[in-house]
PDB file of N, CA and C in Angstrom:
ATOM      1  N   UNK A   1     -41.395 -24.637 -18.763  1.00  0.00           N
ATOM      2  CA  UNK A   1     -40.709 -24.999 -20.011  1.00  0.00           C
ATOM      3  C   UNK A   1     -39.907 -23.903 -20.582  1.00  0.00           C
ATOM      4  N   UNK A   2     -38.683 -24.159 -20.824  1.00  0.00           N
ATOM      5  CA  UNK A   2     -37.822 -23.148 -21.402  1.00  0.00           C
ATOM      6  C   UNK A   2     -38.223 -22.825 -23.002  1.00  0.00           C
ATOM      7  N   UNK A   3     -38.452 -21.698 -23.204  1.00  0.00           N
ATOM      8  CA  UNK A   3     -38.766 -21.111 -24.636  1.00  0.00           C
ATOM      9  C   UNK A   3     -37.847 -20.159 -25.085  1.00  0.00           C
ATOM     10  N   UNK A   4     -37.240 -20.206 -26.272  1.00  0.00           N
ATOM     11  CA  UNK A   4     -36.389 -19.161 -26.835  1.00  0.00           C
ATOM     12  C   UNK A   4     -37.056 -17.796 -26.952  1.00  0.00           C
ATOM     13  N   UNK A   5     -36.308 -16.780 -26.439  1.00  0.00           N
ATOM     14  CA  UNK A   5     -36.835 -15.528 -26.483  1.00  0.00           C
ATOM     15  C   UNK A   5     -36.800 -14.868 -28.002  1.00  0.00           C
ATOM     16  N   UNK A   6     -35.714 -15.372 -28.617  1.00  0.00           N
ATOM     17  CA  UNK A   6     -35.583 -14.895 -30.101  1.00  0.00           C
ATOM     18  C   UNK A   6     -35.332 -16.088 -30.969  1.00  0.00           C
ATOM     19  N   UNK A   7     -35.631 -15.870 -32.310  1.00  0.00           N
ATOM     20  CA  UNK A   7     -35.495 -16.829 -33.260  1.00  0.00           C
ATOM     21  C   UNK A   7     -33.927 -17.029 -33.443  1.00  0.00           C
ATOM     22  N   UNK A   8     -33.568 -18.350 -33.558  1.00  0.00           N
ATOM     23  CA  UNK A   8     -32.161 -18.619 -33.835  1.00  0.00           C
ATOM     24  C   UNK A   8     -31.821 -18.327 -35.276  1.00  0.00           C
ATOM     25  N   UNK A   9     -30.826 -17.532 -35.512  1.00  0.00           N
ATOM     26  CA  UNK A   9     -30.433 -17.086 -36.849  1.00  0.00           C
ATOM     27  C   UNK A   9     -29.806 -18.227 -37.639  1.00  0.00           C
ATOM     28  N   UNK A  10     -29.959 -18.150 -38.942  1.00  0.00           N
ATOM     29  CA  UNK A  10     -29.444 -19.293 -39.840  1.00  0.00           C
ATOM     30  C   UNK A  10     -27.939 -19.465 -39.627  1.00  0.00           C
ATOM     31  N   UNK A  11     -27.212 -18.309 -39.460  1.00  0.00           N
ATOM     32  CA  UNK A  11     -25.806 -18.521 -39.298  1.00  0.00           C
ATOM     33  C   UNK A  11     -25.366 -19.281 -38.025  1.00  0.00           C
ATOM     34  N   UNK A  12     -26.132 -18.947 -36.888  1.00  0.00           N
ATOM     35  CA  UNK A  12     -25.843 -19.678 -35.648  1.00  0.00           C
ATOM     36  C   UNK A  12     -26.249 -21.087 -35.786  1.00  0.00           C
ATOM     37  N   UNK A  13     -27.381 -21.303 -36.347  1.00  0.00           N
ATOM     38  CA  UNK A  13     -27.845 -22.739 -36.587  1.00  0.00           C
ATOM     39  C   UNK A  13     -26.779 -23.513 -37.348  1.00  0.00           C
ATOM     40  N   UNK A  14     -26.364 -22.980 -38.447  1.00  0.00           N
ATOM     41  CA  UNK A  14     -25.511 -23.659 -39.324  1.00  0.00           C
ATOM     42  C   UNK A  14     -24.150 -23.890 -38.744  1.00  0.00           C
ATOM     43  N   UNK A  15     -23.648 -22.845 -37.897  1.00  0.00           N
ATOM     44  CA  UNK A  15     -22.436 -22.971 -37.250  1.00  0.00           C
ATOM     45  C   UNK A  15     -22.505 -24.189 -36.271  1.00  0.00           C
ATOM     46  N   UNK A  16     -23.578 -24.241 -35.630  1.00  0.00           N
ATOM     47  CA  UNK A  16     -23.773 -25.427 -34.600  1.00  0.00           C
ATOM     48  C   UNK A  16     -23.776 -26.755 -35.313  1.00  0.00           C
ATOM     49  N   UNK A  17     -24.498 -26.811 -36.354  1.00  0.00           N
ATOM     50  CA  UNK A  17     -24.597 -28.165 -37.158  1.00  0.00           C
ATOM     51  C   UNK A  17     -23.315 -28.540 -37.815  1.00  0.00           C
ATOM     52  N   UNK A  18     -22.525 -27.482 -38.158  1.00  0.00           N
ATOM     53  CA  UNK A  18     -21.239 -27.830 -38.902  1.00  0.00           C
ATOM     54  C   UNK A  18     -20.276 -28.531 -38.015  1.00  0.00           C
ATOM     55  N   UNK A  19     -20.393 -28.415 -36.679  1.00  0.00           N
ATOM     56  CA  UNK A  19     -19.452 -29.205 -35.791  1.00  0.00           C
ATOM     57  C   UNK A  19     -19.640 -30.633 -35.830  1.00  0.00           C
ATOM     58  N   UNK A  20     -20.802 -31.092 -36.313  1.00  0.00           N
ATOM     59  CA  UNK A  20     -21.141 -32.506 -36.264  1.00  0.00           C
ATOM     60  C   UNK A  20     -20.980 -33.162 -37.576  1.00  0.00           C
ATOM     61  N   UNK A  21     -20.439 -32.444 -38.475  1.00  0.00           N
ATOM     62  CA  UNK A  21     -20.245 -33.036 -39.936  1.00  0.00           C
ATOM     63  C   UNK A  21     -19.150 -33.984 -39.952  1.00  0.00           C
ATOM     64  N   UNK A  22     -19.200 -34.954 -40.934  1.00  0.00           N
ATOM     65  CA  UNK A  22     -18.279 -36.035 -41.072  1.00  0.00           C
ATOM     66  C   UNK A  22     -16.851 -35.548 -41.643  1.00  0.00           C
ATOM     67  N   UNK A  23     -15.784 -35.898 -40.985  1.00  0.00           N
ATOM     68  CA  UNK A  23     -14.449 -35.672 -41.536  1.00  0.00           C
ATOM     69  C   UNK A  23     -13.814 -36.935 -41.855  1.00  0.00           C
ATOM     70  N   UNK A  24     -13.117 -36.959 -43.139  1.00  0.00           N
ATOM     71  CA  UNK A  24     -12.462 -38.105 -43.464  1.00  0.00           C
ATOM     72  C   UNK A  24     -11.228 -38.383 -42.545  1.00  0.00           C
ATOM     73  N   UNK A  25     -10.841 -39.646 -42.268  1.00  0.00           N
ATOM     74  CA  UNK A  25      -9.788 -40.002 -41.396  1.00  0.00           C
ATOM     75  C   UNK A  25      -8.515 -39.469 -42.085  1.00  0.00           C
ATOM     76  N   UNK A  26      -7.604 -38.911 -41.187  1.00  0.00           N
ATOM     77  CA  UNK A  26      -6.271 -38.383 -41.690  1.00  0.00           C
ATOM     78  C   UNK A  26      -5.250 -39.495 -41.639  1.00  0.00           C
ATOM     79  N   UNK A  27      -4.527 -39.675 -42.761  1.00  0.00           N
ATOM     80  CA  UNK A  27      -3.539 -40.763 -42.870  1.00  0.00           C
ATOM     81  C   UNK A  27      -2.202 -40.008 -43.108  1.00  0.00           C
ATOM     82  N   UNK A  28      -1.058 -40.651 -42.624  1.00  0.00           N
ATOM     83  CA  UNK A  28       0.243 -40.047 -42.863  1.00  0.00           C
ATOM     84  C   UNK A  28       1.094 -41.293 -43.223  1.00  0.00           C
ATOM     85  N   UNK A  29       2.364 -40.954 -43.674  1.00  0.00           N
ATOM     86  CA  UNK A  29       3.235 -41.947 -44.065  1.00  0.00           C
ATOM     87  C   UNK A  29       4.213 -42.387 -42.841  1.00  0.00           C
ATOM     88  N   UNK A  30       4.306 -43.653 -42.779  1.00  0.00           N
ATOM     89  CA  UNK A  30       5.218 -44.120 -41.735  1.00  0.00           C
ATOM     90  C   UNK A  30       6.730 -43.761 -42.147  1.00  0.00           C
ATOM     91  N   UNK A  31       7.454 -43.110 -41.215  1.00  0.00           N
ATOM     92  CA  UNK A  31       8.842 -42.659 -41.526  1.00  0.00           C
ATOM     93  C   UNK A  31       9.762 -43.848 -41.682  1.00  0.00           C
ATOM     94  N   UNK A  32       9.466 -45.017 -41.193  1.00  0.00           N
ATOM     95  CA  UNK A  32      10.409 -46.125 -41.231  1.00  0.00           C
ATOM     96  C   UNK A  32      10.193 -46.810 -42.587  1.00  0.00           C
ATOM     97  N   UNK A  33       8.943 -47.255 -42.924  1.00  0.00           N
ATOM     98  CA  UNK A  33       8.751 -48.051 -44.195  1.00  0.00           C
ATOM     99  C   UNK A  33       8.021 -47.356 -45.305  1.00  0.00           C
ATOM    100  N   UNK A  34       7.366 -46.195 -45.009  1.00  0.00           N
ATOM    101  CA  UNK A  34       6.618 -45.396 -45.998  1.00  0.00           C
ATOM    102  C   UNK A  34       5.247 -45.744 -46.293  1.00  0.00           C
ATOM    103  N   UNK A  35       4.699 -46.763 -45.469  1.00  0.00           N
ATOM    104  CA  UNK A  35       3.332 -47.191 -45.794  1.00  0.00           C
ATOM    105  C   UNK A  35       2.368 -46.177 -45.144  1.00  0.00           C
ATOM    106  N   UNK A  36       1.152 -46.311 -45.553  1.00  0.00           N
ATOM    107  CA  UNK A  36       0.103 -45.367 -45.067  1.00  0.00           C
ATOM    108  C   UNK A  36      -0.488 -45.873 -43.735  1.00  0.00           C
ATOM    109  N   UNK A  37      -0.441 -44.914 -42.717  1.00  0.00           N
ATOM    110  CA  UNK A  37      -0.850 -45.253 -41.398  1.00  0.00           C
ATOM    111  C   UNK A  37      -1.737 -44.231 -40.777  1.00  0.00           C
ATOM    112  N   UNK A  38      -2.736 -44.591 -40.061  1.00  0.00           N
ATOM    113  CA  UNK A  38      -3.629 -43.671 -39.428  1.00  0.00           C
ATOM    114  C   UNK A  38      -2.854 -43.048 -38.255  1.00  0.00           C
ATOM    115  N   UNK A  39      -3.172 -41.857 -37.775  1.00  0.00           N
ATOM    116  CA  UNK A  39      -2.421 -41.141 -36.831  1.00  0.00           C
ATOM    117  C   UNK A  39      -2.614 -41.793 -35.455  1.00  0.00           C
ATOM    118  N   UNK A  40      -1.449 -41.729 -34.580  1.00  0.00           N
ATOM    119  CA  UNK A  40      -1.487 -42.228 -33.292  1.00  0.00           C
ATOM    120  C   UNK A  40      -1.678 -43.702 -33.247  1.00  0.00           C
ATOM    121  N   UNK A  41      -1.222 -44.419 -34.242  1.00  0.00           N
ATOM    122  CA  UNK A  41      -1.310 -45.953 -34.400  1.00  0.00           C
ATOM    123  C   UNK A  41       0.029 -46.508 -34.731  1.00  0.00           C
ATOM    124  N   UNK A  42       0.215 -47.783 -34.127  1.00  0.00           N
ATOM    125  CA  UNK A  42       1.365 -48.482 -34.647  1.00  0.00           C
ATOM    126  C   UNK A  42       1.336 -48.886 -36.002  1.00  0.00           C
ATOM    127  N   UNK A  43       2.359 -48.775 -36.837  1.00  0.00           N
ATOM    128  CA  UNK A  43       2.445 -49.171 -38.235  1.00  0.00           C
ATOM    129  C   UNK A  43       2.251 -50.645 -38.325  1.00  0.00           C
ATOM    130  N   UNK A  44       1.208 -51.181 -39.120  1.00  0.00           N
ATOM    131  CA  UNK A  44       1.051 -52.673 -39.094  1.00  0.00           C
ATOM    132  C   UNK A  44       2.081 -53.302 -39.953  1.00  0.00           C
ATOM    133  N   UNK A  45       2.811 -52.534 -40.899  1.00  0.00           N
ATOM    134  CA  UNK A  45       3.803 -53.157 -41.687  1.00  0.00           C
ATOM    135  C   UNK A  45       5.087 -53.376 -41.051  1.00  0.00           C
ATOM    136  N   UNK A  46       5.618 -52.494 -40.272  1.00  0.00           N
ATOM    137  CA  UNK A  46       6.930 -52.629 -39.728  1.00  0.00           C
ATOM    138  C   UNK A  46       6.836 -52.643 -38.156  1.00  0.00           C
ATOM    139  N   UNK A  47       5.723 -52.209 -37.460  1.00  0.00           N
ATOM    140  CA  UNK A  47       5.602 -52.306 -36.040  1.00  0.00           C
ATOM    141  C   UNK A  47       6.287 -51.147 -35.218  1.00  0.00           C
ATOM    142  N   UNK A  48       6.558 -50.063 -36.006  1.00  0.00           N
ATOM    143  CA  UNK A  48       7.186 -48.853 -35.321  1.00  0.00           C
ATOM    144  C   UNK A  48       6.090 -47.886 -34.890  1.00  0.00           C
ATOM    145  N   UNK A  49       6.377 -47.152 -33.767  1.00  0.00           N
ATOM    146  CA  UNK A  49       5.522 -46.093 -33.328  1.00  0.00           C
ATOM    147  C   UNK A  49       6.383 -45.028 -32.717  1.00  0.00           C
ATOM    148  N   UNK A  50       6.317 -43.812 -33.100  1.00  0.00           N
ATOM    149  CA  UNK A  50       7.202 -42.757 -32.631  1.00  0.00           C
ATOM    150  C   UNK A  50       8.670 -43.019 -32.629  1.00  0.00           C
ATOM    151  N   UNK A  51       8.995 -43.720 -33.774  1.00  0.00           N
ATOM    152  CA  UNK A  51      10.512 -43.886 -33.978  1.00  0.00           C
ATOM    153  C   UNK A  51      11.081 -45.056 -33.325  1.00  0.00           C
ATOM    154  N   UNK A  52      10.332 -45.849 -32.583  1.00  0.00           N
ATOM    155  CA  UNK A  52      10.844 -47.048 -31.968  1.00  0.00           C
ATOM    156  C   UNK A  52      10.043 -48.233 -32.172  1.00  0.00           C
ATOM    157  N   UNK A  53      10.739 -49.448 -32.130  1.00  0.00           N
ATOM    158  CA  UNK A  53      10.053 -50.720 -32.391  1.00  0.00           C
ATOM    159  C   UNK A  53       9.085 -51.041 -31.165  1.00  0.00           C
ATOM    160  N   UNK A  54       7.896 -51.267 -31.559  1.00  0.00           N
ATOM    161  CA  UNK A  54       6.805 -51.579 -30.516  1.00  0.00           C
ATOM    162  C   UNK A  54       6.313 -52.980 -30.739  1.00  0.00           C
ATOM    163  N   UNK A  55       6.132 -53.424 -31.947  1.00  0.00           N
ATOM    164  CA  UNK A  55       5.653 -54.748 -32.171  1.00  0.00           C
ATOM    165  C   UNK A  55       6.675 -55.525 -33.038  1.00  0.00           C
ATOM    166  N   UNK A  56       6.714 -56.816 -32.870  1.00  0.00           N
ATOM    167  CA  UNK A  56       7.554 -57.634 -33.825  1.00  0.00           C
ATOM    168  C   UNK A  56       6.605 -58.091 -34.888  1.00  0.00           C
ATOM    169  N   UNK A  57       6.988 -57.729 -36.100  1.00  0.00           N
ATOM    170  CA  UNK A  57       6.130 -58.116 -37.185  1.00  0.00           C
ATOM    171  C   UNK A  57       7.007 -59.190 -38.015  1.00  0.00           C
ATOM    172  N   UNK A  58       6.287 -60.341 -38.238  1.00  0.00           N
ATOM    173  CA  UNK A  58       6.957 -61.395 -38.941  1.00  0.00           C
ATOM    174  C   UNK A  58       6.797 -61.262 -40.516  1.00  0.00           C
ATOM    175  N   UNK A  59       7.776 -61.604 -41.237  1.00  0.00           N
ATOM    176  CA  UNK A  59       7.578 -61.384 -42.749  1.00  0.00           C
ATOM    177  C   UNK A  59       6.659 -62.478 -43.251  1.00  0.00           C
ATOM    178  N   UNK A  60       6.200 -62.140 -44.440  1.00  0.00           N
ATOM    179  CA  UNK A  60       5.255 -62.966 -45.166  1.00  0.00           C
ATOM    180  C   UNK A  60       6.012 -64.217 -45.653  1.00  0.00           C
ATOM    181  N   UNK A  61       5.327 -65.438 -45.555  1.00  0.00           N
ATOM    182  CA  UNK A  61       6.046 -66.551 -46.144  1.00  0.00           C
ATOM    183  C   UNK A  61       5.870 -67.720 -45.308  1.00  0.00           C
TER     184      UNK A  61
END
């Protein structure tokens, strides 16, 4: 069985645990309509992605 030769320092332990902490999702504004959109996603309001129309979105009504 593998046993550590030395005690893991607090700094090394905390650095390792810090990689697993929660990060809030990053949102940006759609350049076409200005609504808030998650990154790398088609805008649900206008249907644009990377400056071109990908989805056809019907208006409310």
